[in-house]
Amino acid sequence: MDAYFRHEAEMFPGGVRSRIQPAHIQEEASNLNRFEAEPLYRQIQCPALILRAPEGMLAKDDILLPEEVMDKMIRKIPGAKRLDLPGTNHFSILFAPSAARDEGIREFLAG
């Protein structure tokens, strides 16, 4: 988490701010709806564990992987498995300590 913070944040007189330029965030947001990943799902030919964080980052509907998208991925990616981690958002699912996440990944890799 420390390395991630140091990469994403910068010190300035009086505090800390994101290194990400607002124009880049706007560009990413405007491009999110332009790319359709669903046609690519069937091309994934290796075992896949899809981690899903059901909580939004800034609002309840700010979910990176909505349930309907997860359902499509599970149906269309051969042999895909899902791991929902209640109480997480798209940052905490990776960076917060989680025995459930770690055990789920270990089980998937062992299988």
PDB file of N, CA and C in Angstrom:
ATOM      1  N   MET A   1       0.823  -1.177   0.000  1.00  0.00           N
ATOM      2  CA  MET A   1       0.000   0.000   0.000  1.00  0.00           C
ATOM      3  C   MET A   1       0.875   1.252   0.000  1.00  0.00           C
ATOM      4  N   ASP A   2       1.974   1.193   0.729  1.00  0.00           N
ATOM      5  CA  ASP A   2       2.880   2.332   0.792  1.00  0.00           C
ATOM      6  C   ASP A   2       3.440   2.659  -0.600  1.00  0.00           C
ATOM      7  N   ALA A   3       3.875   1.633  -1.328  1.00  0.00           N
ATOM      8  CA  ALA A   3       4.435   1.851  -2.665  1.00  0.00           C
ATOM      9  C   ALA A   3       3.367   2.412  -3.604  1.00  0.00           C
ATOM     10  N   TYR A   4       2.157   1.905  -3.501  1.00  0.00           N
ATOM     11  CA  TYR A   4       1.069   2.388  -4.345  1.00  0.00           C
ATOM     12  C   TYR A   4       0.790   3.865  -4.035  1.00  0.00           C
ATOM     13  N   PHE A   5       0.702   4.190  -2.736  1.00  0.00           N
ATOM     14  CA  PHE A   5       0.449   5.572  -2.332  1.00  0.00           C
ATOM     15  C   PHE A   5       1.536   6.494  -2.867  1.00  0.00           C
ATOM     16  N   ARG A   6       2.794   6.092  -2.717  1.00  0.00           N
ATOM     17  CA  ARG A   6       3.904   6.938  -3.171  1.00  0.00           C
ATOM     18  C   ARG A   6       3.876   7.141  -4.687  1.00  0.00           C
ATOM     19  N   HIS A   7       3.388   6.136  -5.417  1.00  0.00           N
ATOM     20  CA  HIS A   7       3.282   6.254  -6.871  1.00  0.00           C
ATOM     21  C   HIS A   7       2.133   7.191  -7.265  1.00  0.00           C
ATOM     22  N   GLU A   8       1.011   7.089  -6.587  1.00  0.00           N
ATOM     23  CA  GLU A   8      -0.198   7.824  -6.959  1.00  0.00           C
ATOM     24  C   GLU A   8      -0.295   9.222  -6.362  1.00  0.00           C
ATOM     25  N   ALA A   9       0.455   9.493  -5.290  1.00  0.00           N
ATOM     26  CA  ALA A   9       0.305  10.773  -4.597  1.00  0.00           C
ATOM     27  C   ALA A   9       1.611  11.551  -4.603  1.00  0.00           C
ATOM     28  N   GLU A  10       1.481  12.854  -4.474  1.00  0.00           N
ATOM     29  CA  GLU A  10       2.658  13.706  -4.373  1.00  0.00           C
ATOM     30  C   GLU A  10       2.442  14.720  -3.254  1.00  0.00           C
ATOM     31  N   MET A  11       3.515  15.037  -2.592  1.00  0.00           N
ATOM     32  CA  MET A  11       3.472  16.035  -1.527  1.00  0.00           C
ATOM     33  C   MET A  11       3.522  17.428  -2.160  1.00  0.00           C
ATOM     34  N   PHE A  12       2.817  18.348  -1.555  1.00  0.00           N
ATOM     35  CA  PHE A  12       2.919  19.744  -1.950  1.00  0.00           C
ATOM     36  C   PHE A  12       2.750  20.569  -0.679  1.00  0.00           C
ATOM     37  N   PRO A  13       3.155  21.818  -0.688  1.00  0.00           N
ATOM     38  CA  PRO A  13       3.051  22.617   0.536  1.00  0.00           C
ATOM     39  C   PRO A  13       1.626  22.582   1.092  1.00  0.00           C
ATOM     40  N   GLY A  14       1.492  22.072   2.283  1.00  0.00           N
ATOM     41  CA  GLY A  14       0.183  22.021   2.927  1.00  0.00           C
ATOM     42  C   GLY A  14      -0.553  20.702   2.784  1.00  0.00           C
ATOM     43  N   GLY A  15       0.020  19.708   2.095  1.00  0.00           N
ATOM     44  CA  GLY A  15      -0.701  18.442   2.007  1.00  0.00           C
ATOM     45  C   GLY A  15      -0.205  17.480   0.954  1.00  0.00           C
ATOM     46  N   VAL A  16      -1.141  16.666   0.502  1.00  0.00           N
ATOM     47  CA  VAL A  16      -0.879  15.612  -0.489  1.00  0.00           C
ATOM     48  C   VAL A  16      -1.957  15.721  -1.556  1.00  0.00           C
ATOM     49  N   ARG A  17      -1.599  15.443  -2.803  1.00  0.00           N
ATOM     50  CA  ARG A  17      -2.580  15.440  -3.876  1.00  0.00           C
ATOM     51  C   ARG A  17      -2.266  14.305  -4.847  1.00  0.00           C
ATOM     52  N   SER A  18      -3.241  13.970  -5.645  1.00  0.00           N
ATOM     53  CA  SER A  18      -3.082  12.912  -6.636  1.00  0.00           C
ATOM     54  C   SER A  18      -2.166  13.391  -7.756  1.00  0.00           C
ATOM     55  N   ARG A  19      -1.354  12.482  -8.260  1.00  0.00           N
ATOM     56  CA  ARG A  19      -0.515  12.788  -9.416  1.00  0.00           C
ATOM     57  C   ARG A  19      -1.321  12.725 -10.722  1.00  0.00           C
ATOM     58  N   ILE A  20      -2.475  12.104 -10.668  1.00  0.00           N
ATOM     59  CA  ILE A  20      -3.282  11.916 -11.868  1.00  0.00           C
ATOM     60  C   ILE A  20      -3.889  13.251 -12.285  1.00  0.00           C
ATOM     61  N   GLN A  21      -3.681  13.596 -13.514  1.00  0.00           N
ATOM     62  CA  GLN A  21      -4.195  14.853 -14.043  1.00  0.00           C
ATOM     63  C   GLN A  21      -5.707  14.733 -14.286  1.00  0.00           C
ATOM     64  N   PRO A  22      -6.478  15.733 -13.895  1.00  0.00           N
ATOM     65  CA  PRO A  22      -7.929  15.684 -14.117  1.00  0.00           C
ATOM     66  C   PRO A  22      -8.310  15.398 -15.571  1.00  0.00           C
ATOM     67  N   ALA A  23      -7.554  15.913 -16.518  1.00  0.00           N
ATOM     68  CA  ALA A  23      -7.858  15.655 -17.937  1.00  0.00           C
ATOM     69  C   ALA A  23      -7.736  14.173 -18.265  1.00  0.00           C
ATOM     70  N   HIS A  24      -6.804  13.475 -17.621  1.00  0.00           N
ATOM     71  CA  HIS A  24      -6.635  12.046 -17.865  1.00  0.00           C
ATOM     72  C   HIS A  24      -7.807  11.258 -17.287  1.00  0.00           C
ATOM     73  N   ILE A  25      -8.285  11.674 -16.129  1.00  0.00           N
ATOM     74  CA  ILE A  25      -9.450  11.021 -15.530  1.00  0.00           C
ATOM     75  C   ILE A  25     -10.663  11.212 -16.434  1.00  0.00           C
ATOM     76  N   GLN A  26     -10.857  12.422 -16.947  1.00  0.00           N
ATOM     77  CA  GLN A  26     -11.973  12.695 -17.845  1.00  0.00           C
ATOM     78  C   GLN A  26     -11.873  11.866 -19.125  1.00  0.00           C
ATOM     79  N   GLU A  27     -10.657  11.744 -19.661  1.00  0.00           N
ATOM     80  CA  GLU A  27     -10.465  10.954 -20.876  1.00  0.00           C
ATOM     81  C   GLU A  27     -10.821   9.494 -20.624  1.00  0.00           C
ATOM     82  N   GLU A  28     -10.360   8.953 -19.506  1.00  0.00           N
ATOM     83  CA  GLU A  28     -10.678   7.563 -19.177  1.00  0.00           C
ATOM     84  C   GLU A  28     -12.175   7.378 -19.003  1.00  0.00           C
ATOM     85  N   ALA A  29     -12.813   8.284 -18.302  1.00  0.00           N
ATOM     86  CA  ALA A  29     -14.261   8.188 -18.084  1.00  0.00           C
ATOM     87  C   ALA A  29     -15.027   8.236 -19.404  1.00  0.00           C
ATOM     88  N   SER A  30     -14.622   9.100 -20.319  1.00  0.00           N
ATOM     89  CA  SER A  30     -15.331   9.201 -21.593  1.00  0.00           C
ATOM     90  C   SER A  30     -15.085   7.988 -22.481  1.00  0.00           C
ATOM     91  N   ASN A  31     -13.965   7.307 -22.305  1.00  0.00           N
ATOM     92  CA  ASN A  31     -13.657   6.136 -23.128  1.00  0.00           C
ATOM     93  C   ASN A  31     -14.212   4.829 -22.568  1.00  0.00           C
ATOM     94  N   LEU A  32     -14.647   4.832 -21.324  1.00  0.00           N
ATOM     95  CA  LEU A  32     -15.143   3.594 -20.712  1.00  0.00           C
ATOM     96  C   LEU A  32     -16.273   2.966 -21.510  1.00  0.00           C
ATOM     97  N   ASN A  33     -17.180   3.766 -22.023  1.00  0.00           N
ATOM     98  CA  ASN A  33     -18.331   3.234 -22.742  1.00  0.00           C
ATOM     99  C   ASN A  33     -18.067   3.000 -24.224  1.00  0.00           C
ATOM    100  N   ARG A  34     -16.881   3.309 -24.688  1.00  0.00           N
ATOM    101  CA  ARG A  34     -16.561   3.139 -26.111  1.00  0.00           C
ATOM    102  C   ARG A  34     -15.985   1.763 -26.430  1.00  0.00           C
ATOM    103  N   PHE A  35     -15.488   1.080 -25.433  1.00  0.00           N
ATOM    104  CA  PHE A  35     -14.852  -0.221 -25.651  1.00  0.00           C
ATOM    105  C   PHE A  35     -15.782  -1.319 -25.182  1.00  0.00           C
ATOM    106  N   GLU A  36     -15.992  -2.307 -26.017  1.00  0.00           N
ATOM    107  CA  GLU A  36     -16.857  -3.437 -25.684  1.00  0.00           C
ATOM    108  C   GLU A  36     -15.999  -4.679 -25.496  1.00  0.00           C
ATOM    109  N   ALA A  37     -15.834  -5.109 -24.263  1.00  0.00           N
ATOM    110  CA  ALA A  37     -14.972  -6.253 -23.947  1.00  0.00           C
ATOM    111  C   ALA A  37     -15.664  -7.595 -24.158  1.00  0.00           C
ATOM    112  N   GLU A  38     -16.979  -7.620 -24.092  1.00  0.00           N
ATOM    113  CA  GLU A  38     -17.704  -8.889 -24.140  1.00  0.00           C
ATOM    114  C   GLU A  38     -17.317  -9.795 -25.310  1.00  0.00           C
ATOM    115  N   PRO A  39     -17.126  -9.295 -26.527  1.00  0.00           N
ATOM    116  CA  PRO A  39     -16.734 -10.195 -27.620  1.00  0.00           C
ATOM    117  C   PRO A  39     -15.391 -10.903 -27.384  1.00  0.00           C
ATOM    118  N   LEU A  40     -14.585 -10.389 -26.497  1.00  0.00           N
ATOM    119  CA  LEU A  40     -13.273 -10.978 -26.228  1.00  0.00           C
ATOM    120  C   LEU A  40     -13.298 -12.071 -25.159  1.00  0.00           C
ATOM    121  N   TYR A  41     -14.393 -12.175 -24.413  1.00  0.00           N
ATOM    122  CA  TYR A  41     -14.439 -13.125 -23.301  1.00  0.00           C
ATOM    123  C   TYR A  41     -14.123 -14.560 -23.732  1.00  0.00           C
ATOM    124  N   ARG A  42     -14.700 -15.003 -24.839  1.00  0.00           N
ATOM    125  CA  ARG A  42     -14.500 -16.396 -25.268  1.00  0.00           C
ATOM    126  C   ARG A  42     -13.070 -16.684 -25.714  1.00  0.00           C
ATOM    127  N   GLN A  43     -12.286 -15.638 -25.961  1.00  0.00           N
ATOM    128  CA  GLN A  43     -10.892 -15.838 -26.357  1.00  0.00           C
ATOM    129  C   GLN A  43      -9.998 -16.206 -25.173  1.00  0.00           C
ATOM    130  N   ILE A  44     -10.477 -16.008 -23.980  1.00  0.00           N
ATOM    131  CA  ILE A  44      -9.694 -16.354 -22.788  1.00  0.00           C
ATOM    132  C   ILE A  44      -9.724 -17.865 -22.641  1.00  0.00           C
ATOM    133  N   GLN A  45      -8.591 -18.497 -22.777  1.00  0.00           N
ATOM    134  CA  GLN A  45      -8.525 -19.955 -22.788  1.00  0.00           C
ATOM    135  C   GLN A  45      -7.799 -20.544 -21.583  1.00  0.00           C
ATOM    136  N   CYS A  46      -7.464 -19.730 -20.625  1.00  0.00           N
ATOM    137  CA  CYS A  46      -6.793 -20.238 -19.421  1.00  0.00           C
ATOM    138  C   CYS A  46      -7.751 -20.112 -18.245  1.00  0.00           C
ATOM    139  N   PRO A  47      -7.502 -20.847 -17.177  1.00  0.00           N
ATOM    140  CA  PRO A  47      -8.344 -20.691 -15.992  1.00  0.00           C
ATOM    141  C   PRO A  47      -8.340 -19.237 -15.528  1.00  0.00           C
ATOM    142  N   ALA A  48      -9.506 -18.741 -15.149  1.00  0.00           N
ATOM    143  CA  ALA A  48      -9.616 -17.346 -14.724  1.00  0.00           C
ATOM    144  C   ALA A  48     -10.417 -17.261 -13.432  1.00  0.00           C
ATOM    145  N   LEU A  49      -9.885 -16.561 -12.480  1.00  0.00           N
ATOM    146  CA  LEU A  49     -10.601 -16.238 -11.254  1.00  0.00           C
ATOM    147  C   LEU A  49     -10.899 -14.749 -11.316  1.00  0.00           C
ATOM    148  N   ILE A  50     -12.165 -14.407 -11.274  1.00  0.00           N
ATOM    149  CA  ILE A  50     -12.569 -13.009 -11.370  1.00  0.00           C
ATOM    150  C   ILE A  50     -12.974 -12.542  -9.975  1.00  0.00           C
ATOM    151  N   LEU A  51     -12.217 -11.587  -9.453  1.00  0.00           N
ATOM    152  CA  LEU A  51     -12.520 -11.010  -8.151  1.00  0.00           C
ATOM    153  C   LEU A  51     -13.526  -9.879  -8.349  1.00  0.00           C
ATOM    154  N   ARG A  52     -14.574  -9.883  -7.534  1.00  0.00           N
ATOM    155  CA  ARG A  52     -15.595  -8.834  -7.664  1.00  0.00           C
ATOM    156  C   ARG A  52     -15.774  -8.095  -6.353  1.00  0.00           C
ATOM    157  N   ALA A  53     -15.632  -6.780  -6.426  1.00  0.00           N
ATOM    158  CA  ALA A  53     -15.877  -5.893  -5.296  1.00  0.00           C
ATOM    159  C   ALA A  53     -17.268  -5.288  -5.476  1.00  0.00           C
ATOM    160  N   PRO A  54     -18.201  -5.616  -4.597  1.00  0.00           N
ATOM    161  CA  PRO A  54     -19.583  -5.159  -4.798  1.00  0.00           C
ATOM    162  C   PRO A  54     -19.889  -3.743  -4.314  1.00  0.00           C
ATOM    163  N   GLU A  55     -18.921  -3.069  -3.724  1.00  0.00           N
ATOM    164  CA  GLU A  55     -19.161  -1.718  -3.219  1.00  0.00           C
ATOM    165  C   GLU A  55     -18.599  -0.677  -4.182  1.00  0.00           C
ATOM    166  N   GLY A  56     -19.247   0.466  -4.256  1.00  0.00           N
ATOM    167  CA  GLY A  56     -18.763   1.566  -5.073  1.00  0.00           C
ATOM    168  C   GLY A  56     -17.646   2.310  -4.368  1.00  0.00           C
ATOM    169  N   MET A  57     -16.908   3.067  -5.134  1.00  0.00           N
ATOM    170  CA  MET A  57     -15.801   3.843  -4.583  1.00  0.00           C
ATOM    171  C   MET A  57     -16.301   5.173  -4.019  1.00  0.00           C
ATOM    172  N   LEU A  58     -17.044   5.907  -4.814  1.00  0.00           N
ATOM    173  CA  LEU A  58     -17.530   7.219  -4.404  1.00  0.00           C
ATOM    174  C   LEU A  58     -19.039   7.249  -4.180  1.00  0.00           C
ATOM    175  N   ALA A  59     -19.745   6.289  -4.743  1.00  0.00           N
ATOM    176  CA  ALA A  59     -21.199   6.221  -4.605  1.00  0.00           C
ATOM    177  C   ALA A  59     -21.625   4.758  -4.704  1.00  0.00           C
ATOM    178  N   LYS A  60     -22.856   4.476  -4.297  1.00  0.00           N
ATOM    179  CA  LYS A  60     -23.357   3.092  -4.317  1.00  0.00           C
ATOM    180  C   LYS A  60     -23.317   2.479  -5.713  1.00  0.00           C
ATOM    181  N   ASP A  61     -23.544   3.285  -6.760  1.00  0.00           N
ATOM    182  CA  ASP A  61     -23.586   2.761  -8.125  1.00  0.00           C
ATOM    183  C   ASP A  61     -22.250   2.883  -8.859  1.00  0.00           C
ATOM    184  N   ASP A  62     -21.205   3.227  -8.150  1.00  0.00           N
ATOM    185  CA  ASP A  62     -19.867   3.376  -8.728  1.00  0.00           C
ATOM    186  C   ASP A  62     -19.129   2.041  -8.644  1.00  0.00           C
ATOM    187  N   ILE A  63     -19.699   1.023  -9.256  1.00  0.00           N
ATOM    188  CA  ILE A  63     -19.153  -0.333  -9.165  1.00  0.00           C
ATOM    189  C   ILE A  63     -18.403  -0.640 -10.451  1.00  0.00           C
ATOM    190  N   LEU A  64     -17.151  -1.024 -10.313  1.00  0.00           N
ATOM    191  CA  LEU A  64     -16.311  -1.279 -11.472  1.00  0.00           C
ATOM    192  C   LEU A  64     -16.785  -2.497 -12.272  1.00  0.00           C
ATOM    193  N   LEU A  65     -17.294  -3.525 -11.590  1.00  0.00           N
ATOM    194  CA  LEU A  65     -17.735  -4.745 -12.249  1.00  0.00           C
ATOM    195  C   LEU A  65     -19.157  -5.076 -11.783  1.00  0.00           C
ATOM    196  N   PRO A  66     -20.168  -4.491 -12.446  1.00  0.00           N
ATOM    197  CA  PRO A  66     -21.553  -4.744 -12.053  1.00  0.00           C
ATOM    198  C   PRO A  66     -21.923  -6.226 -12.176  1.00  0.00           C
ATOM    199  N   GLU A  67     -22.926  -6.619 -11.435  1.00  0.00           N
ATOM    200  CA  GLU A  67     -23.376  -8.019 -11.406  1.00  0.00           C
ATOM    201  C   GLU A  67     -23.697  -8.551 -12.800  1.00  0.00           C
ATOM    202  N   GLU A  68     -24.364  -7.747 -13.628  1.00  0.00           N
ATOM    203  CA  GLU A  68     -24.745  -8.232 -14.961  1.00  0.00           C
ATOM    204  C   GLU A  68     -23.518  -8.489 -15.846  1.00  0.00           C
ATOM    205  N   VAL A  69     -22.469  -7.712 -15.673  1.00  0.00           N
ATOM    206  CA  VAL A  69     -21.231  -7.939 -16.426  1.00  0.00           C
ATOM    207  C   VAL A  69     -20.539  -9.197 -15.909  1.00  0.00           C
ATOM    208  N   MET A  70     -20.508  -9.352 -14.592  1.00  0.00           N
ATOM    209  CA  MET A  70     -19.916 -10.558 -14.005  1.00  0.00           C
ATOM    210  C   MET A  70     -20.636 -11.809 -14.506  1.00  0.00           C
ATOM    211  N   ASP A  71     -21.958 -11.771 -14.550  1.00  0.00           N
ATOM    212  CA  ASP A  71     -22.723 -12.922 -15.042  1.00  0.00           C
ATOM    213  C   ASP A  71     -22.331 -13.278 -16.473  1.00  0.00           C
ATOM    214  N   LYS A  72     -22.185 -12.261 -17.329  1.00  0.00           N
ATOM    215  CA  LYS A  72     -21.777 -12.518 -18.715  1.00  0.00           C
ATOM    216  C   LYS A  72     -20.379 -13.127 -18.766  1.00  0.00           C
ATOM    217  N   MET A  73     -19.477 -12.605 -17.962  1.00  0.00           N
ATOM    218  CA  MET A  73     -18.107 -13.118 -17.961  1.00  0.00           C
ATOM    219  C   MET A  73     -18.087 -14.588 -17.546  1.00  0.00           C
ATOM    220  N   ILE A  74     -18.827 -14.932 -16.511  1.00  0.00           N
ATOM    221  CA  ILE A  74     -18.851 -16.313 -16.026  1.00  0.00           C
ATOM    222  C   ILE A  74     -19.457 -17.243 -17.076  1.00  0.00           C
ATOM    223  N   ARG A  75     -20.477 -16.776 -17.770  1.00  0.00           N
ATOM    224  CA  ARG A  75     -21.104 -17.609 -18.817  1.00  0.00           C
ATOM    225  C   ARG A  75     -20.213 -17.778 -20.043  1.00  0.00           C
ATOM    226  N   LYS A  76     -19.453 -16.749 -20.398  1.00  0.00           N
ATOM    227  CA  LYS A  76     -18.743 -16.753 -21.674  1.00  0.00           C
ATOM    228  C   LYS A  76     -17.248 -17.071 -21.594  1.00  0.00           C
ATOM    229  N   ILE A  77     -16.645 -16.950 -20.429  1.00  0.00           N
ATOM    230  CA  ILE A  77     -15.229 -17.313 -20.294  1.00  0.00           C
ATOM    231  C   ILE A  77     -15.190 -18.774 -19.851  1.00  0.00           C
ATOM    232  N   PRO A  78     -14.684 -19.662 -20.702  1.00  0.00           N
ATOM    233  CA  PRO A  78     -14.706 -21.087 -20.372  1.00  0.00           C
ATOM    234  C   PRO A  78     -14.021 -21.372 -19.028  1.00  0.00           C
ATOM    235  N   GLY A  79     -14.770 -21.994 -18.124  1.00  0.00           N
ATOM    236  CA  GLY A  79     -14.206 -22.413 -16.847  1.00  0.00           C
ATOM    237  C   GLY A  79     -13.933 -21.296 -15.855  1.00  0.00           C
ATOM    238  N   ALA A  80     -14.419 -20.090 -16.115  1.00  0.00           N
ATOM    239  CA  ALA A  80     -14.161 -18.979 -15.199  1.00  0.00           C
ATOM    240  C   ALA A  80     -14.857 -19.205 -13.868  1.00  0.00           C
ATOM    241  N   LYS A  81     -14.215 -18.730 -12.813  1.00  0.00           N
ATOM    242  CA  LYS A  81     -14.781 -18.786 -11.471  1.00  0.00           C
ATOM    243  C   LYS A  81     -14.825 -17.369 -10.923  1.00  0.00           C
ATOM    244  N   ARG A  82     -15.742 -17.146 -10.001  1.00  0.00           N
ATOM    245  CA  ARG A  82     -15.885 -15.827  -9.419  1.00  0.00           C
ATOM    246  C   ARG A  82     -15.642 -15.877  -7.922  1.00  0.00           C
ATOM    247  N   LEU A  83     -15.161 -14.750  -7.409  1.00  0.00           N
ATOM    248  CA  LEU A  83     -14.989 -14.600  -5.969  1.00  0.00           C
ATOM    249  C   LEU A  83     -15.470 -13.197  -5.612  1.00  0.00           C
ATOM    250  N   ASP A  84     -16.649 -13.127  -4.997  1.00  0.00           N
ATOM    251  CA  ASP A  84     -17.184 -11.861  -4.525  1.00  0.00           C
ATOM    252  C   ASP A  84     -16.660 -11.611  -3.117  1.00  0.00           C
ATOM    253  N   LEU A  85     -16.219 -10.399  -2.856  1.00  0.00           N
ATOM    254  CA  LEU A  85     -15.688 -10.049  -1.550  1.00  0.00           C
ATOM    255  C   LEU A  85     -16.504  -8.891  -0.975  1.00  0.00           C
ATOM    256  N   PRO A  86     -17.563  -9.222  -0.230  1.00  0.00           N
ATOM    257  CA  PRO A  86     -18.433  -8.190   0.345  1.00  0.00           C
ATOM    258  C   PRO A  86     -17.641  -7.169   1.156  1.00  0.00           C
ATOM    259  N   GLY A  87     -18.103  -5.936   1.080  1.00  0.00           N
ATOM    260  CA  GLY A  87     -17.467  -4.867   1.834  1.00  0.00           C
ATOM    261  C   GLY A  87     -16.242  -4.263   1.170  1.00  0.00           C
ATOM    262  N   THR A  88     -15.959  -4.657  -0.081  1.00  0.00           N
ATOM    263  CA  THR A  88     -14.785  -4.115  -0.768  1.00  0.00           C
ATOM    264  C   THR A  88     -15.201  -3.259  -1.960  1.00  0.00           C
ATOM    265  N   ASN A  89     -14.305  -2.330  -2.330  1.00  0.00           N
ATOM    266  CA  ASN A  89     -14.455  -1.570  -3.564  1.00  0.00           C
ATOM    267  C   ASN A  89     -13.253  -1.916  -4.443  1.00  0.00           C
ATOM    268  N   HIS A  90     -13.126  -1.276  -5.595  1.00  0.00           N
ATOM    269  CA  HIS A  90     -12.088  -1.710  -6.532  1.00  0.00           C
ATOM    270  C   HIS A  90     -10.667  -1.395  -6.068  1.00  0.00           C
ATOM    271  N   PHE A  91     -10.489  -0.649  -4.996  1.00  0.00           N
ATOM    272  CA  PHE A  91      -9.163  -0.472  -4.411  1.00  0.00           C
ATOM    273  C   PHE A  91      -8.958  -1.417  -3.230  1.00  0.00           C
ATOM    274  N   SER A  92      -9.927  -1.442  -2.317  1.00  0.00           N
ATOM    275  CA  SER A  92      -9.744  -2.254  -1.110  1.00  0.00           C
ATOM    276  C   SER A  92      -9.695  -3.747  -1.409  1.00  0.00           C
ATOM    277  N   ILE A  93     -10.308  -4.187  -2.495  1.00  0.00           N
ATOM    278  CA  ILE A  93     -10.266  -5.608  -2.841  1.00  0.00           C
ATOM    279  C   ILE A  93      -8.826  -6.071  -3.086  1.00  0.00           C
ATOM    280  N   LEU A  94      -7.980  -5.154  -3.529  1.00  0.00           N
ATOM    281  CA  LEU A  94      -6.579  -5.488  -3.795  1.00  0.00           C
ATOM    282  C   LEU A  94      -5.638  -5.104  -2.660  1.00  0.00           C
ATOM    283  N   PHE A  95      -5.897  -3.963  -2.037  1.00  0.00           N
ATOM    284  CA  PHE A  95      -4.905  -3.409  -1.126  1.00  0.00           C
ATOM    285  C   PHE A  95      -5.183  -3.639   0.350  1.00  0.00           C
ATOM    286  N   ALA A  96      -6.414  -3.857   0.747  1.00  0.00           N
ATOM    287  CA  ALA A  96      -6.714  -4.093   2.158  1.00  0.00           C
ATOM    288  C   ALA A  96      -6.427  -5.562   2.499  1.00  0.00           C
ATOM    289  N   PRO A  97      -5.959  -5.826   3.704  1.00  0.00           N
ATOM    290  CA  PRO A  97      -5.764  -7.221   4.104  1.00  0.00           C
ATOM    291  C   PRO A  97      -7.091  -7.976   4.008  1.00  0.00           C
ATOM    292  N   SER A  98      -7.058  -9.190   3.458  1.00  0.00           N
ATOM    293  CA  SER A  98      -8.283  -9.979   3.316  1.00  0.00           C
ATOM    294  C   SER A  98      -7.940 -11.458   3.325  1.00  0.00           C
ATOM    295  N   ALA A  99      -8.254 -12.109   4.426  1.00  0.00           N
ATOM    296  CA  ALA A  99      -8.028 -13.556   4.509  1.00  0.00           C
ATOM    297  C   ALA A  99      -8.911 -14.291   3.501  1.00  0.00           C
ATOM    298  N   ALA A 100     -10.156 -13.823   3.312  1.00  0.00           N
ATOM    299  CA  ALA A 100     -11.071 -14.471   2.371  1.00  0.00           C
ATOM    300  C   ALA A 100     -10.541 -14.386   0.945  1.00  0.00           C
ATOM    301  N   ARG A 101     -10.034 -13.218   0.558  1.00  0.00           N
ATOM    302  CA  ARG A 101      -9.457 -13.055  -0.785  1.00  0.00           C
ATOM    303  C   ARG A 101      -8.245 -13.965  -0.959  1.00  0.00           C
ATOM    304  N   ASP A 102      -7.348 -13.917   0.003  1.00  0.00           N
ATOM    305  CA  ASP A 102      -6.114 -14.691  -0.103  1.00  0.00           C
ATOM    306  C   ASP A 102      -6.400 -16.189  -0.152  1.00  0.00           C
ATOM    307  N   GLU A 103      -7.336 -16.646   0.678  1.00  0.00           N
ATOM    308  CA  GLU A 103      -7.684 -18.065   0.679  1.00  0.00           C
ATOM    309  C   GLU A 103      -8.364 -18.455  -0.627  1.00  0.00           C
ATOM    310  N   GLY A 104      -9.234 -17.597  -1.146  1.00  0.00           N
ATOM    311  CA  GLY A 104      -9.897 -17.878  -2.422  1.00  0.00           C
ATOM    312  C   GLY A 104      -8.903 -17.995  -3.564  1.00  0.00           C
ATOM    313  N   ILE A 105      -7.909 -17.138  -3.582  1.00  0.00           N
ATOM    314  CA  ILE A 105      -6.874 -17.208  -4.619  1.00  0.00           C
ATOM    315  C   ILE A 105      -6.052 -18.477  -4.461  1.00  0.00           C
ATOM    316  N   ARG A 106      -5.683 -18.803  -3.226  1.00  0.00           N
ATOM    317  CA  ARG A 106      -4.920 -20.059  -2.989  1.00  0.00           C
ATOM    318  C   ARG A 106      -5.696 -21.280  -3.450  1.00  0.00           C
ATOM    319  N   GLU A 107      -7.000 -21.340  -3.115  1.00  0.00           N
ATOM    320  CA  GLU A 107      -7.834 -22.458  -3.535  1.00  0.00           C
ATOM    321  C   GLU A 107      -7.915 -22.545  -5.059  1.00  0.00           C
ATOM    322  N   PHE A 108      -8.069 -21.403  -5.706  1.00  0.00           N
ATOM    323  CA  PHE A 108      -8.147 -21.390  -7.167  1.00  0.00           C
ATOM    324  C   PHE A 108      -6.843 -21.904  -7.775  1.00  0.00           C
ATOM    325  N   LEU A 109      -5.731 -21.428  -7.275  1.00  0.00           N
ATOM    326  CA  LEU A 109      -4.425 -21.856  -7.809  1.00  0.00           C
ATOM    327  C   LEU A 109      -4.148 -23.322  -7.525  1.00  0.00           C
ATOM    328  N   ALA A 110      -4.634 -23.828  -6.429  1.00  0.00           N
ATOM    329  CA  ALA A 110      -4.426 -25.245  -6.089  1.00  0.00           C
ATOM    330  C   ALA A 110      -5.273 -26.157  -6.968  1.00  0.00           C
ATOM    331  N   GLY A 111      -6.394 -25.633  -7.457  1.00  0.00           N
ATOM    332  CA  GLY A 111      -7.317 -26.433  -8.253  1.00  0.00           C
ATOM    333  C   GLY A 111      -6.853 -26.600  -9.660  1.00  0.00           C
TER     334      GLY A 111
END
